[in-house]
Amino acid sequence: MDDWRDFAQQMASLARDLLAQETLDDTLERITSAATELLEDCDAAGILILRGNQVQSLAPTEQVVIDSDDLQGRLGEGPCFDAARTSEGERQFRIADFGDEAQRWPRYVPEARKLNLGSMMGFLLFTEDEDLGALNLYSYRPGAFSEADEKAGWLLASHAAVAFSSARTHAQMQQAIGTRHTIGEAMGILMGRHRLTEDQAFAVLRRYSQDNNVKLRTVAAQVCEQGGLP
């Protein structure tokens, strides 16, 4: 990572590209593919989401990302775990050589070396309001990532976090709009079939949802599909 002027231009172009993606999945895939494009020695990249001790791999560019994430989830240790649940002030890491980290992660490292992983970097994806997961970059070659690469990865992660948060918010809004539309359509069906008011129709949906422990949007979708309550 020697030509910072060129890299800055690439980052500016990427920032616009990320915000232009149509879906959350498209945004995440563009983030991880950008990592392998911008960092010469990055062989694979992925985003890890940690919920309790359960891991989820998002937008992996190679199968090795999924294998590494699954391995850490099964063993309950590893660098991605540390990055995803780190405290403030420890938001990134760089592993120069997996062969030197056996003491730090005694169960994970031997298995990671079987995956031919040589070195990696990880960056917490965060905004002022939320932590989103960790962007993890892998190389099959030990000593692949320099201090300059780490700075470049941090810049990429900063742009990625903003785009990730924006895309997720948009997806949640779209889902909420779709849910409201479905509930409104279901209420209209019940009002027409049973001569109910809006309040009564909504009360019927809510009561069925509570009595059967089914989400309201699921009940509404079933009413729309079947023309009435299941």
C-alpha atoms as a PDB file:
ATOM      1  CA  MET A   1       0.000   0.000   0.000  1.00  0.00           C
ATOM      2  CA  ASP A   2       2.503   2.573  -1.226  1.00  0.00           C
ATOM      3  CA  ASP A   3       0.476   4.921  -3.451  1.00  0.00           C
ATOM      4  CA  TRP A   4      -1.841   6.663  -0.990  1.00  0.00           C
ATOM      5  CA  ARG A   5      -3.077   9.194  -3.545  1.00  0.00           C
ATOM      6  CA  ASP A   6      -4.314   6.408  -5.800  1.00  0.00           C
ATOM      7  CA  PHE A   7      -5.787   4.599  -2.814  1.00  0.00           C
ATOM      8  CA  ALA A   8      -7.637   7.742  -1.704  1.00  0.00           C
ATOM      9  CA  GLN A   9      -9.199   8.035  -5.148  1.00  0.00           C
ATOM     10  CA  GLN A  10     -10.237   4.404  -5.033  1.00  0.00           C
ATOM     11  CA  MET A  11     -11.782   4.899  -1.588  1.00  0.00           C
ATOM     12  CA  ALA A  12     -13.745   7.930  -2.772  1.00  0.00           C
ATOM     13  CA  SER A  13     -15.102   5.932  -5.688  1.00  0.00           C
ATOM     14  CA  LEU A  14     -15.909   3.009  -3.383  1.00  0.00           C
ATOM     15  CA  ALA A  15     -17.800   5.248  -0.944  1.00  0.00           C
ATOM     16  CA  ARG A  16     -20.109   6.366  -3.746  1.00  0.00           C
ATOM     17  CA  ASP A  17     -20.407   2.810  -5.037  1.00  0.00           C
ATOM     18  CA  LEU A  18     -21.390   1.423  -1.624  1.00  0.00           C
ATOM     19  CA  LEU A  19     -24.179   3.938  -1.149  1.00  0.00           C
ATOM     20  CA  ALA A  20     -25.489   3.174  -4.641  1.00  0.00           C
ATOM     21  CA  GLN A  21     -26.082  -0.518  -3.927  1.00  0.00           C
ATOM     22  CA  GLU A  22     -29.759  -1.500  -4.043  1.00  0.00           C
ATOM     23  CA  THR A  23     -29.932  -4.056  -1.224  1.00  0.00           C
ATOM     24  CA  LEU A  24     -28.213  -4.851   2.063  1.00  0.00           C
ATOM     25  CA  ASP A  25     -26.739  -8.054   0.617  1.00  0.00           C
ATOM     26  CA  ASP A  26     -25.370  -6.143  -2.372  1.00  0.00           C
ATOM     27  CA  THR A  27     -23.749  -3.639  -0.010  1.00  0.00           C
ATOM     28  CA  LEU A  28     -22.075  -6.333   2.085  1.00  0.00           C
ATOM     29  CA  GLU A  29     -20.827  -8.196  -0.974  1.00  0.00           C
ATOM     30  CA  ARG A  30     -19.364  -4.971  -2.370  1.00  0.00           C
ATOM     31  CA  ILE A  31     -17.568  -4.340   0.938  1.00  0.00           C
ATOM     32  CA  THR A  32     -15.839  -7.719   1.009  1.00  0.00           C
ATOM     33  CA  SER A  33     -15.040  -7.787  -2.703  1.00  0.00           C
ATOM     34  CA  ALA A  34     -13.508  -4.314  -2.356  1.00  0.00           C
ATOM     35  CA  ALA A  35     -11.152  -5.621   0.317  1.00  0.00           C
ATOM     36  CA  THR A  36      -9.693  -8.214  -2.033  1.00  0.00           C
ATOM     37  CA  GLU A  37      -9.448  -5.629  -4.825  1.00  0.00           C
ATOM     38  CA  LEU A  38      -7.829  -2.816  -2.826  1.00  0.00           C
ATOM     39  CA  LEU A  39      -5.378  -4.858  -0.750  1.00  0.00           C
ATOM     40  CA  GLU A  40      -3.033  -6.840  -2.956  1.00  0.00           C
ATOM     41  CA  ASP A  41      -2.313  -9.627  -0.464  1.00  0.00           C
ATOM     42  CA  CYS A  42      -5.892 -10.079   0.725  1.00  0.00           C
ATOM     43  CA  ASP A  43      -6.970 -13.503  -0.550  1.00  0.00           C
ATOM     44  CA  ALA A  44     -10.358 -13.644   1.173  1.00  0.00           C
ATOM     45  CA  ALA A  45     -12.674 -11.410   3.175  1.00  0.00           C
ATOM     46  CA  GLY A  46     -15.913 -11.670   5.097  1.00  0.00           C
ATOM     47  CA  ILE A  47     -18.054 -10.037   7.747  1.00  0.00           C
ATOM     48  CA  LEU A  48     -18.703 -11.882  10.985  1.00  0.00           C
ATOM     49  CA  ILE A  49     -21.752 -11.193  13.117  1.00  0.00           C
ATOM     50  CA  LEU A  50     -21.651 -12.479  16.681  1.00  0.00           C
ATOM     51  CA  ARG A  51     -24.865 -13.096  18.615  1.00  0.00           C
ATOM     52  CA  GLY A  52     -23.957 -14.504  22.000  1.00  0.00           C
ATOM     53  CA  ASN A  53     -21.584 -17.291  20.999  1.00  0.00           C
ATOM     54  CA  GLN A  54     -23.296 -17.934  17.669  1.00  0.00           C
ATOM     55  CA  VAL A  55     -21.500 -16.723  14.549  1.00  0.00           C
ATOM     56  CA  GLN A  56     -22.905 -15.763  11.169  1.00  0.00           C
ATOM     57  CA  SER A  57     -20.762 -15.260   8.063  1.00  0.00           C
ATOM     58  CA  LEU A  58     -21.938 -12.501   5.733  1.00  0.00           C
ATOM     59  CA  ALA A  59     -20.732 -11.924   2.165  1.00  0.00           C
ATOM     60  CA  PRO A  60     -17.717 -14.286   2.310  1.00  0.00           C
ATOM     61  CA  THR A  61     -15.558 -14.102  -0.803  1.00  0.00           C
ATOM     62  CA  GLU A  62     -14.144 -17.609  -0.290  1.00  0.00           C
ATOM     63  CA  GLN A  63     -15.170 -20.794   1.504  1.00  0.00           C
ATOM     64  CA  VAL A  64     -12.207 -20.422   3.876  1.00  0.00           C
ATOM     65  CA  VAL A  65     -13.975 -17.453   5.504  1.00  0.00           C
ATOM     66  CA  ILE A  66     -16.984 -19.601   6.382  1.00  0.00           C
ATOM     67  CA  ASP A  67     -14.720 -22.408   7.585  1.00  0.00           C
ATOM     68  CA  SER A  68     -12.767 -20.037   9.842  1.00  0.00           C
ATOM     69  CA  ASP A  69     -15.921 -18.454  11.268  1.00  0.00           C
ATOM     70  CA  ASP A  70     -17.527 -21.840  11.894  1.00  0.00           C
ATOM     71  CA  LEU A  71     -14.347 -23.038  13.546  1.00  0.00           C
ATOM     72  CA  GLN A  72     -14.311 -20.094  15.943  1.00  0.00           C
ATOM     73  CA  GLY A  73     -17.996 -20.533  16.713  1.00  0.00           C
ATOM     74  CA  ARG A  74     -17.474 -24.205  17.502  1.00  0.00           C
ATOM     75  CA  LEU A  75     -14.386 -23.597  19.644  1.00  0.00           C
ATOM     76  CA  GLY A  76     -15.588 -20.359  21.229  1.00  0.00           C
ATOM     77  CA  GLU A  77     -12.304 -18.538  20.587  1.00  0.00           C
ATOM     78  CA  GLY A  78     -10.373 -16.761  17.876  1.00  0.00           C
ATOM     79  CA  PRO A  79      -9.428 -13.341  16.519  1.00  0.00           C
ATOM     80  CA  CYS A  80     -12.792 -12.681  14.860  1.00  0.00           C
ATOM     81  CA  PHE A  81     -14.522 -13.337  18.174  1.00  0.00           C
ATOM     82  CA  ASP A  82     -12.221 -10.830  19.822  1.00  0.00           C
ATOM     83  CA  ALA A  83     -12.855  -8.169  17.174  1.00  0.00           C
ATOM     84  CA  ALA A  84     -16.640  -8.615  17.190  1.00  0.00           C
ATOM     85  CA  ARG A  85     -16.982  -8.360  20.966  1.00  0.00           C
ATOM     86  CA  THR A  86     -14.043  -6.108  21.800  1.00  0.00           C
ATOM     87  CA  SER A  87     -14.187  -3.194  24.182  1.00  0.00           C
ATOM     88  CA  GLU A  88     -13.848   0.385  22.991  1.00  0.00           C
ATOM     89  CA  GLY A  89     -10.302   1.254  22.071  1.00  0.00           C
ATOM     90  CA  GLU A  90      -9.429  -2.209  20.704  1.00  0.00           C
ATOM     91  CA  ARG A  91     -11.249  -2.093  17.421  1.00  0.00           C
ATOM     92  CA  GLN A  92      -8.726  -3.722  15.094  1.00  0.00           C
ATOM     93  CA  PHE A  93      -5.972  -6.304  15.020  1.00  0.00           C
ATOM     94  CA  ARG A  94      -3.290  -7.625  12.704  1.00  0.00           C
ATOM     95  CA  ILE A  95      -1.868 -11.132  12.890  1.00  0.00           C
ATOM     96  CA  ALA A  96       1.462 -11.221  11.090  1.00  0.00           C
ATOM     97  CA  ASP A  97       1.852 -14.994  11.292  1.00  0.00           C
ATOM     98  CA  PHE A  98      -0.662 -17.534  12.578  1.00  0.00           C
ATOM     99  CA  GLY A  99       2.264 -19.711  13.579  1.00  0.00           C
ATOM    100  CA  ASP A 100       3.128 -17.217  16.333  1.00  0.00           C
ATOM    101  CA  GLU A 101      -0.356 -17.073  17.885  1.00  0.00           C
ATOM    102  CA  ALA A 102      -0.815 -20.584  19.274  1.00  0.00           C
ATOM    103  CA  GLN A 103      -0.543 -19.368  22.857  1.00  0.00           C
ATOM    104  CA  ARG A 104      -3.212 -16.699  22.356  1.00  0.00           C
ATOM    105  CA  TRP A 105      -5.754 -19.027  20.719  1.00  0.00           C
ATOM    106  CA  PRO A 106      -4.493 -22.524  21.521  1.00  0.00           C
ATOM    107  CA  ARG A 107      -7.440 -24.382  20.005  1.00  0.00           C
ATOM    108  CA  TYR A 108      -8.195 -22.183  17.018  1.00  0.00           C
ATOM    109  CA  VAL A 109      -4.713 -21.600  15.595  1.00  0.00           C
ATOM    110  CA  PRO A 110      -3.767 -25.254  14.875  1.00  0.00           C
ATOM    111  CA  GLU A 111      -7.041 -25.725  13.008  1.00  0.00           C
ATOM    112  CA  ALA A 112      -6.661 -22.409  11.168  1.00  0.00           C
ATOM    113  CA  ARG A 113      -3.257 -23.491   9.916  1.00  0.00           C
ATOM    114  CA  LYS A 114      -4.909 -26.587   8.461  1.00  0.00           C
ATOM    115  CA  LEU A 115      -6.966 -24.142   6.375  1.00  0.00           C
ATOM    116  CA  ASN A 116      -3.626 -22.761   5.068  1.00  0.00           C
ATOM    117  CA  LEU A 117      -4.215 -19.362   6.680  1.00  0.00           C
ATOM    118  CA  GLY A 118      -0.989 -17.428   7.052  1.00  0.00           C
ATOM    119  CA  SER A 119      -2.001 -13.980   8.308  1.00  0.00           C
ATOM    120  CA  MET A 120      -5.071 -11.819   8.774  1.00  0.00           C
ATOM    121  CA  MET A 121      -6.514  -8.514   9.906  1.00  0.00           C
ATOM    122  CA  GLY A 122      -9.818  -7.702  11.572  1.00  0.00           C
ATOM    123  CA  PHE A 123     -11.715  -4.469  12.041  1.00  0.00           C
ATOM    124  CA  LEU A 124     -14.791  -3.788  14.128  1.00  0.00           C
ATOM    125  CA  LEU A 125     -17.534  -2.246  12.010  1.00  0.00           C
ATOM    126  CA  PHE A 126     -19.121   0.432  14.144  1.00  0.00           C
ATOM    127  CA  THR A 127     -20.866   3.776  14.025  1.00  0.00           C
ATOM    128  CA  GLU A 128     -21.511   6.225  16.832  1.00  0.00           C
ATOM    129  CA  ASP A 129     -24.730   4.403  17.695  1.00  0.00           C
ATOM    130  CA  GLU A 130     -24.062   0.712  17.087  1.00  0.00           C
ATOM    131  CA  ASP A 131     -21.598  -2.113  16.603  1.00  0.00           C
ATOM    132  CA  LEU A 132     -22.326  -4.056  13.429  1.00  0.00           C
ATOM    133  CA  GLY A 133     -19.819  -6.922  13.390  1.00  0.00           C
ATOM    134  CA  ALA A 134     -16.249  -7.400  12.195  1.00  0.00           C
ATOM    135  CA  LEU A 135     -14.662  -7.156   8.752  1.00  0.00           C
ATOM    136  CA  ASN A 136     -12.004  -9.858   8.507  1.00  0.00           C
ATOM    137  CA  LEU A 137      -9.283 -10.049   5.858  1.00  0.00           C
ATOM    138  CA  TYR A 138      -7.233 -13.196   5.240  1.00  0.00           C
ATOM    139  CA  SER A 139      -4.037 -14.064   3.418  1.00  0.00           C
ATOM    140  CA  TYR A 140      -2.594 -17.506   2.809  1.00  0.00           C
ATOM    141  CA  ARG A 141       0.906 -16.031   3.144  1.00  0.00           C
ATOM    142  CA  PRO A 142       2.508 -15.327   6.537  1.00  0.00           C
ATOM    143  CA  GLY A 143       3.619 -11.723   6.929  1.00  0.00           C
ATOM    144  CA  ALA A 144       1.353 -10.551   4.130  1.00  0.00           C
ATOM    145  CA  PHE A 145      -0.083  -7.480   5.833  1.00  0.00           C
ATOM    146  CA  SER A 146       1.998  -4.428   6.711  1.00  0.00           C
ATOM    147  CA  GLU A 147       1.241  -1.515   8.996  1.00  0.00           C
ATOM    148  CA  ALA A 148       0.230   0.460   5.906  1.00  0.00           C
ATOM    149  CA  ASP A 149      -2.191  -2.317   4.946  1.00  0.00           C
ATOM    150  CA  GLU A 150      -3.682  -2.116   8.420  1.00  0.00           C
ATOM    151  CA  LYS A 151      -4.291   1.614   7.988  1.00  0.00           C
ATOM    152  CA  ALA A 152      -5.860   0.973   4.591  1.00  0.00           C
ATOM    153  CA  GLY A 153      -8.070  -1.723   6.077  1.00  0.00           C
ATOM    154  CA  TRP A 154      -9.181   0.641   8.821  1.00  0.00           C
ATOM    155  CA  LEU A 155     -10.178   3.251   6.228  1.00  0.00           C
ATOM    156  CA  LEU A 156     -12.104   0.643   4.283  1.00  0.00           C
ATOM    157  CA  ALA A 157     -13.852  -0.543   7.448  1.00  0.00           C
ATOM    158  CA  SER A 158     -14.829   3.030   8.333  1.00  0.00           C
ATOM    159  CA  HIS A 159     -16.551   3.524   4.976  1.00  0.00           C
ATOM    160  CA  ALA A 160     -18.013   0.026   5.182  1.00  0.00           C
ATOM    161  CA  ALA A 161     -19.584   0.628   8.589  1.00  0.00           C
ATOM    162  CA  VAL A 162     -21.439   3.730   7.404  1.00  0.00           C
ATOM    163  CA  ALA A 163     -22.690   1.969   4.276  1.00  0.00           C
ATOM    164  CA  PHE A 164     -23.654  -1.158   6.259  1.00  0.00           C
ATOM    165  CA  SER A 165     -25.620   0.865   8.799  1.00  0.00           C
ATOM    166  CA  SER A 166     -27.365   2.908   6.098  1.00  0.00           C
ATOM    167  CA  ALA A 167     -28.279  -0.162   4.041  1.00  0.00           C
ATOM    168  CA  ARG A 168     -29.589  -2.019   7.084  1.00  0.00           C
ATOM    169  CA  THR A 169     -31.717   0.943   8.140  1.00  0.00           C
ATOM    170  CA  HIS A 170     -33.143   1.173   4.627  1.00  0.00           C
ATOM    171  CA  ALA A 171     -33.886  -2.570   4.603  1.00  0.00           C
ATOM    172  CA  GLN A 172     -35.635  -2.305   7.970  1.00  0.00           C
ATOM    173  CA  MET A 173     -37.736   0.612   6.725  1.00  0.00           C
ATOM    174  CA  GLN A 174     -38.700  -1.296   3.605  1.00  0.00           C
ATOM    175  CA  GLN A 175     -39.683  -4.292   5.710  1.00  0.00           C
ATOM    176  CA  ALA A 176     -41.745  -2.089   8.015  1.00  0.00           C
ATOM    177  CA  ILE A 177     -43.538  -0.521   5.056  1.00  0.00           C
ATOM    178  CA  GLY A 178     -44.238  -3.952   3.609  1.00  0.00           C
ATOM    179  CA  THR A 179     -45.523  -5.203   6.960  1.00  0.00           C
ATOM    180  CA  ARG A 180     -47.883  -2.257   7.372  1.00  0.00           C
ATOM    181  CA  HIS A 181     -49.217  -2.805   3.858  1.00  0.00           C
ATOM    182  CA  THR A 182     -49.817  -6.515   4.510  1.00  0.00           C
ATOM    183  CA  ILE A 183     -51.584  -5.836   7.819  1.00  0.00           C
ATOM    184  CA  GLY A 184     -53.744  -3.186   6.169  1.00  0.00           C
ATOM    185  CA  GLU A 185     -54.690  -5.588   3.383  1.00  0.00           C
ATOM    186  CA  ALA A 186     -55.532  -8.321   5.912  1.00  0.00           C
ATOM    187  CA  MET A 187     -57.679  -5.908   7.915  1.00  0.00           C
ATOM    188  CA  GLY A 188     -59.548  -4.987   4.735  1.00  0.00           C
ATOM    189  CA  ILE A 189     -60.279  -8.656   4.052  1.00  0.00           C
ATOM    190  CA  LEU A 190     -61.637  -9.196   7.571  1.00  0.00           C
ATOM    191  CA  MET A 191     -63.663  -5.984   7.444  1.00  0.00           C
ATOM    192  CA  GLY A 192     -65.278  -7.047   4.171  1.00  0.00           C
ATOM    193  CA  ARG A 193     -65.998 -10.627   5.167  1.00  0.00           C
ATOM    194  CA  HIS A 194     -67.190 -10.016   8.712  1.00  0.00           C
ATOM    195  CA  ARG A 195     -68.418  -6.399   8.570  1.00  0.00           C
ATOM    196  CA  LEU A 196     -65.893  -5.233  11.136  1.00  0.00           C
ATOM    197  CA  THR A 197     -64.532  -1.761  11.821  1.00  0.00           C
ATOM    198  CA  GLU A 198     -60.805  -1.084  11.415  1.00  0.00           C
ATOM    199  CA  ASP A 199     -60.286  -1.319  15.183  1.00  0.00           C
ATOM    200  CA  GLN A 200     -62.206  -4.577  15.371  1.00  0.00           C
ATOM    201  CA  ALA A 201     -60.329  -6.118  12.447  1.00  0.00           C
ATOM    202  CA  PHE A 202     -56.967  -5.188  13.962  1.00  0.00           C
ATOM    203  CA  ALA A 203     -58.087  -6.575  17.336  1.00  0.00           C
ATOM    204  CA  VAL A 204     -58.961  -9.897  15.661  1.00  0.00           C
ATOM    205  CA  LEU A 205     -55.522 -10.110  14.061  1.00  0.00           C
ATOM    206  CA  ARG A 206     -53.756  -9.214  17.285  1.00  0.00           C
ATOM    207  CA  ARG A 207     -55.774 -11.666  19.369  1.00  0.00           C
ATOM    208  CA  TYR A 208     -55.097 -14.503  16.923  1.00  0.00           C
ATOM    209  CA  SER A 209     -51.405 -13.599  16.965  1.00  0.00           C
ATOM    210  CA  GLN A 210     -51.247 -13.671  20.760  1.00  0.00           C
ATOM    211  CA  ASP A 211     -53.372 -16.807  21.203  1.00  0.00           C
ATOM    212  CA  ASN A 212     -51.327 -18.799  18.707  1.00  0.00           C
ATOM    213  CA  ASN A 213     -47.914 -17.245  19.446  1.00  0.00           C
ATOM    214  CA  VAL A 214     -47.494 -16.221  15.812  1.00  0.00           C
ATOM    215  CA  LYS A 215     -46.075 -12.873  14.707  1.00  0.00           C
ATOM    216  CA  LEU A 216     -48.662 -10.349  13.612  1.00  0.00           C
ATOM    217  CA  ARG A 217     -47.121  -9.919  10.167  1.00  0.00           C
ATOM    218  CA  THR A 218     -47.239 -13.707   9.651  1.00  0.00           C
ATOM    219  CA  VAL A 219     -50.929 -13.840  10.570  1.00  0.00           C
ATOM    220  CA  ALA A 220     -51.640 -10.943   8.210  1.00  0.00           C
ATOM    221  CA  ALA A 221     -49.777 -12.664   5.366  1.00  0.00           C
ATOM    222  CA  GLN A 222     -51.792 -15.841   5.940  1.00  0.00           C
ATOM    223  CA  VAL A 223     -55.053 -13.889   5.855  1.00  0.00           C
ATOM    224  CA  CYS A 224     -54.003 -12.287   2.555  1.00  0.00           C
ATOM    225  CA  GLU A 225     -53.068 -15.646   1.051  1.00  0.00           C
ATOM    226  CA  GLN A 226     -56.107 -17.588   2.291  1.00  0.00           C
ATOM    227  CA  GLY A 227     -58.761 -14.889   2.268  1.00  0.00           C
ATOM    228  CA  GLY A 228     -59.374 -15.226   6.007  1.00  0.00           C
ATOM    229  CA  LEU A 229     -57.919 -16.406   9.281  1.00  0.00           C
ATOM    230  CA  PRO A 230     -56.162 -19.795   9.166  1.00  0.00           C
END
